[in-house]
Amino acid sequence: EKPEALKEIDMIIQQSDGIMVARGDLGVEMPFDE
């Protein structure tokens, strides 16, 4: 839900057991059209 997370998303997915696309805060923190 933070733009910073997208910069190292592959490593975040690797370290996690799963991810959530949290569109609420993500759509506020960055342009909704993206």
PDB file of all heavy atoms in Angstrom:
ATOM      1  N   GLU A   1       0.819  -1.212   0.000  1.00  0.00           N
ATOM      2  CA  GLU A   1       0.000   0.000   0.000  1.00  0.00           C
ATOM      3  C   GLU A   1       0.853   1.262   0.000  1.00  0.00           C
ATOM      4  O   GLU A   1       0.333   2.367   0.171  1.00  0.00           O
ATOM      5  CB  GLU A   1      -0.957  -0.007   1.201  1.00  0.00           C
ATOM      6  CG  GLU A   1      -0.311  -0.357   2.526  1.00  0.00           C
ATOM      7  CD  GLU A   1      -1.327  -0.765   3.599  1.00  0.00           C
ATOM      8  OE1 GLU A   1      -2.499  -0.365   3.504  1.00  0.00           O
ATOM      9  OE2 GLU A   1      -0.933  -1.483   4.531  1.00  0.00           O
ATOM     10  N   LYS A   2       2.164   1.114  -0.174  1.00  0.00           N
ATOM     11  CA  LYS A   2       3.081   2.262  -0.238  1.00  0.00           C
ATOM     12  C   LYS A   2       3.864   2.196  -1.549  1.00  0.00           C
ATOM     13  O   LYS A   2       4.318   1.127  -1.957  1.00  0.00           O
ATOM     14  CB  LYS A   2       4.077   2.239   0.927  1.00  0.00           C
ATOM     15  CG  LYS A   2       3.455   2.319   2.309  1.00  0.00           C
ATOM     16  CD  LYS A   2       2.955   3.712   2.632  1.00  0.00           C
ATOM     17  CE  LYS A   2       4.089   4.679   2.888  1.00  0.00           C
ATOM     18  NZ  LYS A   2       3.597   6.032   3.255  1.00  0.00           N
ATOM     19  N   PRO A   3       4.062   3.330  -2.234  1.00  0.00           N
ATOM     20  CA  PRO A   3       4.839   3.324  -3.482  1.00  0.00           C
ATOM     21  C   PRO A   3       6.259   2.783  -3.296  1.00  0.00           C
ATOM     22  O   PRO A   3       6.798   2.138  -4.196  1.00  0.00           O
ATOM     23  CB  PRO A   3       4.870   4.812  -3.875  1.00  0.00           C
ATOM     24  CG  PRO A   3       3.700   5.416  -3.186  1.00  0.00           C
ATOM     25  CD  PRO A   3       3.535   4.659  -1.909  1.00  0.00           C
ATOM     26  N   GLU A   4       6.844   3.015  -2.098  1.00  0.00           N
ATOM     27  CA  GLU A   4       8.213   2.535  -1.854  1.00  0.00           C
ATOM     28  C   GLU A   4       8.312   1.019  -1.993  1.00  0.00           C
ATOM     29  O   GLU A   4       9.346   0.486  -2.407  1.00  0.00           O
ATOM     30  CB  GLU A   4       8.693   2.929  -0.454  1.00  0.00           C
ATOM     31  CG  GLU A   4       8.783   4.427  -0.216  1.00  0.00           C
ATOM     32  CD  GLU A   4       7.592   4.950   0.556  1.00  0.00           C
ATOM     33  OE1 GLU A   4       6.450   4.746   0.092  1.00  0.00           O
ATOM     34  OE2 GLU A   4       7.797   5.565   1.622  1.00  0.00           O
ATOM     35  N   ALA A   5       7.236   0.319  -1.642  1.00  0.00           N
ATOM     36  CA  ALA A   5       7.259  -1.149  -1.691  1.00  0.00           C
ATOM     37  C   ALA A   5       7.438  -1.653  -3.114  1.00  0.00           C
ATOM     38  O   ALA A   5       8.040  -2.712  -3.335  1.00  0.00           O
ATOM     39  CB  ALA A   5       5.971  -1.713  -1.097  1.00  0.00           C
ATOM     40  N   LEU A   6       6.940  -0.912  -4.087  1.00  0.00           N
ATOM     41  CA  LEU A   6       7.026  -1.357  -5.479  1.00  0.00           C
ATOM     42  C   LEU A   6       8.464  -1.345  -5.991  1.00  0.00           C
ATOM     43  O   LEU A   6       8.793  -2.049  -6.953  1.00  0.00           O
ATOM     44  CB  LEU A   6       6.147  -0.468  -6.360  1.00  0.00           C
ATOM     45  CG  LEU A   6       4.654  -0.459  -5.995  1.00  0.00           C
ATOM     46  CD1 LEU A   6       3.902   0.517  -6.872  1.00  0.00           C
ATOM     47  CD2 LEU A   6       4.054  -1.853  -6.114  1.00  0.00           C
ATOM     48  N   LYS A   7       9.330  -0.557  -5.346  1.00  0.00           N
ATOM     49  CA  LYS A   7      10.732  -0.454  -5.803  1.00  0.00           C
ATOM     50  C   LYS A   7      11.522  -1.735  -5.547  1.00  0.00           C
ATOM     51  O   LYS A   7      12.484  -2.022  -6.246  1.00  0.00           O
ATOM     52  CB  LYS A   7      11.415   0.738  -5.123  1.00  0.00           C
ATOM     53  CG  LYS A   7      10.816   2.085  -5.503  1.00  0.00           C
ATOM     54  CD  LYS A   7      11.446   3.225  -4.718  1.00  0.00           C
ATOM     55  CE  LYS A   7      10.787   4.559  -5.062  1.00  0.00           C
ATOM     56  NZ  LYS A   7      11.330   5.677  -4.253  1.00  0.00           N
ATOM     57  N   GLU A   8      11.144  -2.497  -4.523  1.00  0.00           N
ATOM     58  CA  GLU A   8      11.820  -3.776  -4.287  1.00  0.00           C
ATOM     59  C   GLU A   8      10.783  -4.886  -4.065  1.00  0.00           C
ATOM     60  O   GLU A   8      10.909  -5.711  -3.168  1.00  0.00           O
ATOM     61  CB  GLU A   8      12.814  -3.684  -3.134  1.00  0.00           C
ATOM     62  CG  GLU A   8      12.327  -3.105  -1.827  1.00  0.00           C
ATOM     63  CD  GLU A   8      13.441  -3.123  -0.774  1.00  0.00           C
ATOM     64  OE1 GLU A   8      13.693  -4.181  -0.196  1.00  0.00           O
ATOM     65  OE2 GLU A   8      14.068  -2.055  -0.573  1.00  0.00           O
ATOM     66  N   ILE A   9       9.774  -4.874  -4.933  1.00  0.00           N
ATOM     67  CA  ILE A   9       8.642  -5.787  -4.750  1.00  0.00           C
ATOM     68  C   ILE A   9       9.049  -7.247  -4.878  1.00  0.00           C
ATOM     69  O   ILE A   9       8.528  -8.117  -4.171  1.00  0.00           O
ATOM     70  CB  ILE A   9       7.499  -5.438  -5.736  1.00  0.00           C
ATOM     71  CG1 ILE A   9       6.238  -6.256  -5.412  1.00  0.00           C
ATOM     72  CG2 ILE A   9       7.917  -5.636  -7.177  1.00  0.00           C
ATOM     73  CD1 ILE A   9       5.662  -5.986  -4.052  1.00  0.00           C
ATOM     74  N   ASP A  10       9.988  -7.567  -5.774  1.00  0.00           N
ATOM     75  CA  ASP A  10      10.389  -8.964  -5.949  1.00  0.00           C
ATOM     76  C   ASP A  10      11.004  -9.520  -4.668  1.00  0.00           C
ATOM     77  O   ASP A  10      10.721 -10.665  -4.279  1.00  0.00           O
ATOM     78  CB  ASP A  10      11.386  -9.096  -7.110  1.00  0.00           C
ATOM     79  CG  ASP A  10      10.731  -8.793  -8.454  1.00  0.00           C
ATOM     80  OD1 ASP A  10       9.561  -9.176  -8.640  1.00  0.00           O
ATOM     81  OD2 ASP A  10      11.375  -8.165  -9.309  1.00  0.00           O
ATOM     82  N   MET A  11      11.819  -8.717  -3.993  1.00  0.00           N
ATOM     83  CA  MET A  11      12.441  -9.151  -2.750  1.00  0.00           C
ATOM     84  C   MET A  11      11.403  -9.247  -1.630  1.00  0.00           C
ATOM     85  O   MET A  11      11.463 -10.154  -0.788  1.00  0.00           O
ATOM     86  CB  MET A  11      13.558  -8.187  -2.352  1.00  0.00           C
ATOM     87  CG  MET A  11      14.363  -8.652  -1.142  1.00  0.00           C
ATOM     88  SD  MET A  11      15.243 -10.204  -1.421  1.00  0.00           S
ATOM     89  CE  MET A  11      16.509  -9.639  -2.575  1.00  0.00           C
ATOM     90  N   ILE A  12      10.441  -8.337  -1.621  1.00  0.00           N
ATOM     91  CA  ILE A  12       9.377  -8.379  -0.615  1.00  0.00           C
ATOM     92  C   ILE A  12       8.561  -9.657  -0.770  1.00  0.00           C
ATOM     93  O   ILE A  12       8.267 -10.346   0.209  1.00  0.00           O
ATOM     94  CB  ILE A  12       8.473  -7.135  -0.720  1.00  0.00           C
ATOM     95  CG1 ILE A  12       9.228  -5.894  -0.217  1.00  0.00           C
ATOM     96  CG2 ILE A  12       7.180  -7.326   0.070  1.00  0.00           C
ATOM     97  CD1 ILE A  12       8.491  -4.585  -0.437  1.00  0.00           C
ATOM     98  N   ILE A  13       8.205  -9.999  -2.005  1.00  0.00           N
ATOM     99  CA  ILE A  13       7.448 -11.230  -2.248  1.00  0.00           C
ATOM    100  C   ILE A  13       8.273 -12.444  -1.827  1.00  0.00           C
ATOM    101  O   ILE A  13       7.758 -13.378  -1.209  1.00  0.00           O
ATOM    102  CB  ILE A  13       7.040 -11.341  -3.732  1.00  0.00           C
ATOM    103  CG1 ILE A  13       6.063 -10.220  -4.103  1.00  0.00           C
ATOM    104  CG2 ILE A  13       6.414 -12.704  -4.022  1.00  0.00           C
ATOM    105  CD1 ILE A  13       5.740 -10.130  -5.583  1.00  0.00           C
ATOM    106  N   GLN A  14       9.567 -12.414  -2.140  1.00  0.00           N
ATOM    107  CA  GLN A  14      10.444 -13.530  -1.784  1.00  0.00           C
ATOM    108  C   GLN A  14      10.508 -13.743  -0.279  1.00  0.00           C
ATOM    109  O   GLN A  14      10.471 -14.876   0.209  1.00  0.00           O
ATOM    110  CB  GLN A  14      11.846 -13.274  -2.334  1.00  0.00           C
ATOM    111  CG  GLN A  14      12.831 -14.409  -2.055  1.00  0.00           C
ATOM    112  CD  GLN A  14      14.218 -14.100  -2.594  1.00  0.00           C
ATOM    113  OE1 GLN A  14      14.361 -13.455  -3.631  1.00  0.00           O
ATOM    114  NE2 GLN A  14      15.253 -14.526  -1.905  1.00  0.00           N
ATOM    115  N   GLN A  15      10.585 -12.664   0.495  1.00  0.00           N
ATOM    116  CA  GLN A  15      10.708 -12.768   1.943  1.00  0.00           C
ATOM    117  C   GLN A  15       9.376 -13.070   2.627  1.00  0.00           C
ATOM    118  O   GLN A  15       9.353 -13.599   3.738  1.00  0.00           O
ATOM    119  CB  GLN A  15      11.294 -11.467   2.512  1.00  0.00           C
ATOM    120  CG  GLN A  15      12.745 -11.214   2.166  1.00  0.00           C
ATOM    121  CD  GLN A  15      13.671 -12.272   2.744  1.00  0.00           C
ATOM    122  OE1 GLN A  15      13.401 -12.879   3.767  1.00  0.00           O
ATOM    123  NE2 GLN A  15      14.790 -12.501   2.077  1.00  0.00           N
ATOM    124  N   SER A  16       8.265 -12.753   1.964  1.00  0.00           N
ATOM    125  CA  SER A  16       6.942 -12.950   2.553  1.00  0.00           C
ATOM    126  C   SER A  16       6.431 -14.359   2.274  1.00  0.00           C
ATOM    127  O   SER A  16       6.950 -15.075   1.427  1.00  0.00           O
ATOM    128  CB  SER A  16       5.949 -11.935   1.978  1.00  0.00           C
ATOM    129  OG  SER A  16       6.415 -10.614   2.132  1.00  0.00           O
ATOM    130  N   ASP A  17       5.355 -14.722   2.980  1.00  0.00           N
ATOM    131  CA  ASP A  17       4.655 -15.966   2.682  1.00  0.00           C
ATOM    132  C   ASP A  17       3.473 -15.706   1.759  1.00  0.00           C
ATOM    133  O   ASP A  17       2.824 -16.639   1.286  1.00  0.00           O
ATOM    134  CB  ASP A  17       4.166 -16.615   3.984  1.00  0.00           C
ATOM    135  CG  ASP A  17       5.337 -16.979   4.896  1.00  0.00           C
ATOM    136  OD1 ASP A  17       6.162 -17.809   4.503  1.00  0.00           O
ATOM    137  OD2 ASP A  17       5.421 -16.397   5.999  1.00  0.00           O
ATOM    138  N   GLY A  18       3.195 -14.433   1.498  1.00  0.00           N
ATOM    139  CA  GLY A  18       2.130 -14.032   0.598  1.00  0.00           C
ATOM    140  C   GLY A  18       2.014 -12.516   0.621  1.00  0.00           C
ATOM    141  O   GLY A  18       2.642 -11.853   1.453  1.00  0.00           O
ATOM    142  N   ILE A  19       1.246 -11.941  -0.307  1.00  0.00           N
ATOM    143  CA  ILE A  19       1.072 -10.484  -0.320  1.00  0.00           C
ATOM    144  C   ILE A  19      -0.410 -10.134  -0.441  1.00  0.00           C
ATOM    145  O   ILE A  19      -1.234 -10.952  -0.843  1.00  0.00           O
ATOM    146  CB  ILE A  19       1.858  -9.795  -1.451  1.00  0.00           C
ATOM    147  CG1 ILE A  19       1.244 -10.109  -2.816  1.00  0.00           C
ATOM    148  CG2 ILE A  19       3.324 -10.153  -1.409  1.00  0.00           C
ATOM    149  CD1 ILE A  19       1.731  -9.177  -3.913  1.00  0.00           C
ATOM    150  N   MET A  20      -0.714  -8.906  -0.067  1.00  0.00           N
ATOM    151  CA  MET A  20      -2.058  -8.356  -0.230  1.00  0.00           C
ATOM    152  C   MET A  20      -1.962  -7.087  -1.058  1.00  0.00           C
ATOM    153  O   MET A  20      -1.173  -6.192  -0.727  1.00  0.00           O
ATOM    154  CB  MET A  20      -2.691  -8.033   1.125  1.00  0.00           C
ATOM    155  CG  MET A  20      -4.118  -7.487   1.037  1.00  0.00           C
ATOM    156  SD  MET A  20      -4.732  -6.858   2.633  1.00  0.00           S
ATOM    157  CE  MET A  20      -4.784  -8.367   3.595  1.00  0.00           C
ATOM    158  N   VAL A  21      -2.722  -7.027  -2.139  1.00  0.00           N
ATOM    159  CA  VAL A  21      -2.810  -5.805  -2.935  1.00  0.00           C
ATOM    160  C   VAL A  21      -3.847  -4.926  -2.249  1.00  0.00           C
ATOM    161  O   VAL A  21      -5.052  -5.048  -2.485  1.00  0.00           O
ATOM    162  CB  VAL A  21      -3.218  -6.102  -4.388  1.00  0.00           C
ATOM    163  CG1 VAL A  21      -3.123  -4.831  -5.236  1.00  0.00           C
ATOM    164  CG2 VAL A  21      -2.347  -7.202  -4.986  1.00  0.00           C
ATOM    165  N   ALA A  22      -3.370  -4.045  -1.363  1.00  0.00           N
ATOM    166  CA  ALA A  22      -4.252  -3.220  -0.525  1.00  0.00           C
ATOM    167  C   ALA A  22      -4.599  -1.945  -1.290  1.00  0.00           C
ATOM    168  O   ALA A  22      -3.962  -0.899  -1.130  1.00  0.00           O
ATOM    169  CB  ALA A  22      -3.577  -2.912   0.809  1.00  0.00           C
ATOM    170  N   ARG A  23      -5.628  -2.026  -2.119  1.00  0.00           N
ATOM    171  CA  ARG A  23      -5.895  -0.967  -3.094  1.00  0.00           C
ATOM    172  C   ARG A  23      -6.371   0.333  -2.469  1.00  0.00           C
ATOM    173  O   ARG A  23      -6.316   1.378  -3.116  1.00  0.00           O
ATOM    174  CB  ARG A  23      -6.919  -1.473  -4.112  1.00  0.00           C
ATOM    175  CG  ARG A  23      -6.476  -2.760  -4.801  1.00  0.00           C
ATOM    176  CD  ARG A  23      -7.462  -3.235  -5.823  1.00  0.00           C
ATOM    177  NE  ARG A  23      -8.797  -3.442  -5.265  1.00  0.00           N
ATOM    178  CZ  ARG A  23      -9.838  -3.856  -5.988  1.00  0.00           C
ATOM    179  NH1 ARG A  23      -9.688  -4.114  -7.272  1.00  0.00           N
ATOM    180  NH2 ARG A  23     -11.022  -4.029  -5.426  1.00  0.00           N
ATOM    181  N   GLY A  24      -6.843   0.292  -1.209  1.00  0.00           N
ATOM    182  CA  GLY A  24      -7.331   1.510  -0.572  1.00  0.00           C
ATOM    183  C   GLY A  24      -6.239   2.542  -0.400  1.00  0.00           C
ATOM    184  O   GLY A  24      -6.233   3.592  -1.051  1.00  0.00           O
ATOM    185  N   ASP A  25      -5.279   2.242   0.490  1.00  0.00           N
ATOM    186  CA  ASP A  25      -4.184   3.190   0.717  1.00  0.00           C
ATOM    187  C   ASP A  25      -3.277   3.307  -0.500  1.00  0.00           C
ATOM    188  O   ASP A  25      -2.751   4.379  -0.787  1.00  0.00           O
ATOM    189  CB  ASP A  25      -3.366   2.764   1.937  1.00  0.00           C
ATOM    190  CG  ASP A  25      -4.026   3.219   3.237  1.00  0.00           C
ATOM    191  OD1 ASP A  25      -3.974   4.426   3.529  1.00  0.00           O
ATOM    192  OD2 ASP A  25      -4.616   2.385   3.943  1.00  0.00           O
ATOM    193  N   LEU A  26      -3.100   2.215  -1.250  1.00  0.00           N
ATOM    194  CA  LEU A  26      -2.257   2.274  -2.445  1.00  0.00           C
ATOM    195  C   LEU A  26      -2.819   3.268  -3.451  1.00  0.00           C
ATOM    196  O   LEU A  26      -2.084   4.043  -4.072  1.00  0.00           O
ATOM    197  CB  LEU A  26      -2.151   0.882  -3.082  1.00  0.00           C
ATOM    198  CG  LEU A  26      -1.190   0.744  -4.262  1.00  0.00           C
ATOM    199  CD1 LEU A  26       0.240   1.040  -3.840  1.00  0.00           C
ATOM    200  CD2 LEU A  26      -1.282  -0.648  -4.875  1.00  0.00           C
ATOM    201  N   GLY A  27      -4.159   3.290  -3.587  1.00  0.00           N
ATOM    202  CA  GLY A  27      -4.799   4.199  -4.524  1.00  0.00           C
ATOM    203  C   GLY A  27      -4.803   5.644  -4.068  1.00  0.00           C
ATOM    204  O   GLY A  27      -5.072   6.544  -4.865  1.00  0.00           O
ATOM    205  N   VAL A  28      -4.511   5.855  -2.785  1.00  0.00           N
ATOM    206  CA  VAL A  28      -4.402   7.214  -2.264  1.00  0.00           C
ATOM    207  C   VAL A  28      -2.952   7.684  -2.339  1.00  0.00           C
ATOM    208  O   VAL A  28      -2.668   8.836  -2.667  1.00  0.00           O
ATOM    209  CB  VAL A  28      -4.901   7.284  -0.801  1.00  0.00           C
ATOM    210  CG1 VAL A  28      -4.676   8.673  -0.221  1.00  0.00           C
ATOM    211  CG2 VAL A  28      -6.387   6.931  -0.740  1.00  0.00           C
ATOM    212  N   GLU A  29      -2.026   6.790  -2.056  1.00  0.00           N
ATOM    213  CA  GLU A  29      -0.602   7.127  -2.025  1.00  0.00           C
ATOM    214  C   GLU A  29      -0.025   7.362  -3.418  1.00  0.00           C
ATOM    215  O   GLU A  29       1.012   7.990  -3.565  1.00  0.00           O
ATOM    216  CB  GLU A  29       0.184   6.002  -1.339  1.00  0.00           C
ATOM    217  CG  GLU A  29      -0.101   5.849   0.145  1.00  0.00           C
ATOM    218  CD  GLU A  29       0.800   6.727   1.003  1.00  0.00           C
ATOM    219  OE1 GLU A  29       1.783   7.265   0.469  1.00  0.00           O
ATOM    220  OE2 GLU A  29       0.516   6.864   2.207  1.00  0.00           O
ATOM    221  N   MET A  30      -0.664   6.810  -4.437  1.00  0.00           N
ATOM    222  CA  MET A  30      -0.163   6.989  -5.801  1.00  0.00           C
ATOM    223  C   MET A  30      -1.336   7.211  -6.748  1.00  0.00           C
ATOM    224  O   MET A  30      -2.493   7.003  -6.362  1.00  0.00           O
ATOM    225  CB  MET A  30       0.668   5.776  -6.230  1.00  0.00           C
ATOM    226  CG  MET A  30      -0.055   4.467  -6.255  1.00  0.00           C
ATOM    227  SD  MET A  30       1.103   3.109  -6.526  1.00  0.00           S
ATOM    228  CE  MET A  30       2.008   3.711  -7.952  1.00  0.00           C
ATOM    229  N   PRO A  31      -1.098   7.638  -7.987  1.00  0.00           N
ATOM    230  CA  PRO A  31      -2.207   7.922  -8.908  1.00  0.00           C
ATOM    231  C   PRO A  31      -3.140   6.728  -9.079  1.00  0.00           C
ATOM    232  O   PRO A  31      -2.693   5.611  -9.337  1.00  0.00           O
ATOM    233  CB  PRO A  31      -1.483   8.255 -10.220  1.00  0.00           C
ATOM    234  CG  PRO A  31      -0.140   8.767  -9.802  1.00  0.00           C
ATOM    235  CD  PRO A  31       0.221   7.961  -8.579  1.00  0.00           C
ATOM    236  N   PHE A  32      -4.441   6.969  -8.920  1.00  0.00           N
ATOM    237  CA  PHE A  32      -5.419   5.888  -8.968  1.00  0.00           C
ATOM    238  C   PHE A  32      -5.429   5.170 -10.308  1.00  0.00           C
ATOM    239  O   PHE A  32      -5.754   3.984 -10.396  1.00  0.00           O
ATOM    240  CB  PHE A  32      -6.820   6.421  -8.640  1.00  0.00           C
ATOM    241  CG  PHE A  32      -7.329   7.470  -9.601  1.00  0.00           C
ATOM    242  CD1 PHE A  32      -7.932   7.108 -10.790  1.00  0.00           C
ATOM    243  CD2 PHE A  32      -7.203   8.821  -9.299  1.00  0.00           C
ATOM    244  CE1 PHE A  32      -8.395   8.068 -11.678  1.00  0.00           C
ATOM    245  CE2 PHE A  32      -7.666   9.787 -10.175  1.00  0.00           C
ATOM    246  CZ  PHE A  32      -8.264   9.410 -11.377  1.00  0.00           C
ATOM    247  N   ASP A  33      -5.075   5.898 -11.391  1.00  0.00           N
ATOM    248  CA  ASP A  33      -5.115   5.283 -12.715  1.00  0.00           C
ATOM    249  C   ASP A  33      -4.044   4.211 -12.893  1.00  0.00           C
ATOM    250  O   ASP A  33      -4.119   3.381 -13.814  1.00  0.00           O
ATOM    251  CB  ASP A  33      -4.964   6.348 -13.806  1.00  0.00           C
ATOM    252  CG  ASP A  33      -3.739   7.228 -13.592  1.00  0.00           C
ATOM    253  OD1 ASP A  33      -3.682   7.933 -12.572  1.00  0.00           O
ATOM    254  OD2 ASP A  33      -2.825   7.185 -14.441  1.00  0.00           O
ATOM    255  N   GLU A  34      -3.038   4.193 -12.008  1.00  0.00           N
ATOM    256  CA  GLU A  34      -1.974   3.204 -12.113  1.00  0.00           C
ATOM    257  C   GLU A  34      -2.297   1.912 -11.367  1.00  0.00           C
ATOM    258  O   GLU A  34      -1.667   0.873 -11.593  1.00  0.00           O
ATOM    259  CB  GLU A  34      -0.660   3.795 -11.572  1.00  0.00           C
ATOM    260  CG  GLU A  34      -0.151   4.989 -12.361  1.00  0.00           C
ATOM    261  CD  GLU A  34       1.150   5.559 -11.787  1.00  0.00           C
ATOM    262  OE1 GLU A  34       1.807   4.841 -11.010  1.00  0.00           O
ATOM    263  OE2 GLU A  34       1.497   6.707 -12.115  1.00  0.00           O
TER     264      GLU A  34
END
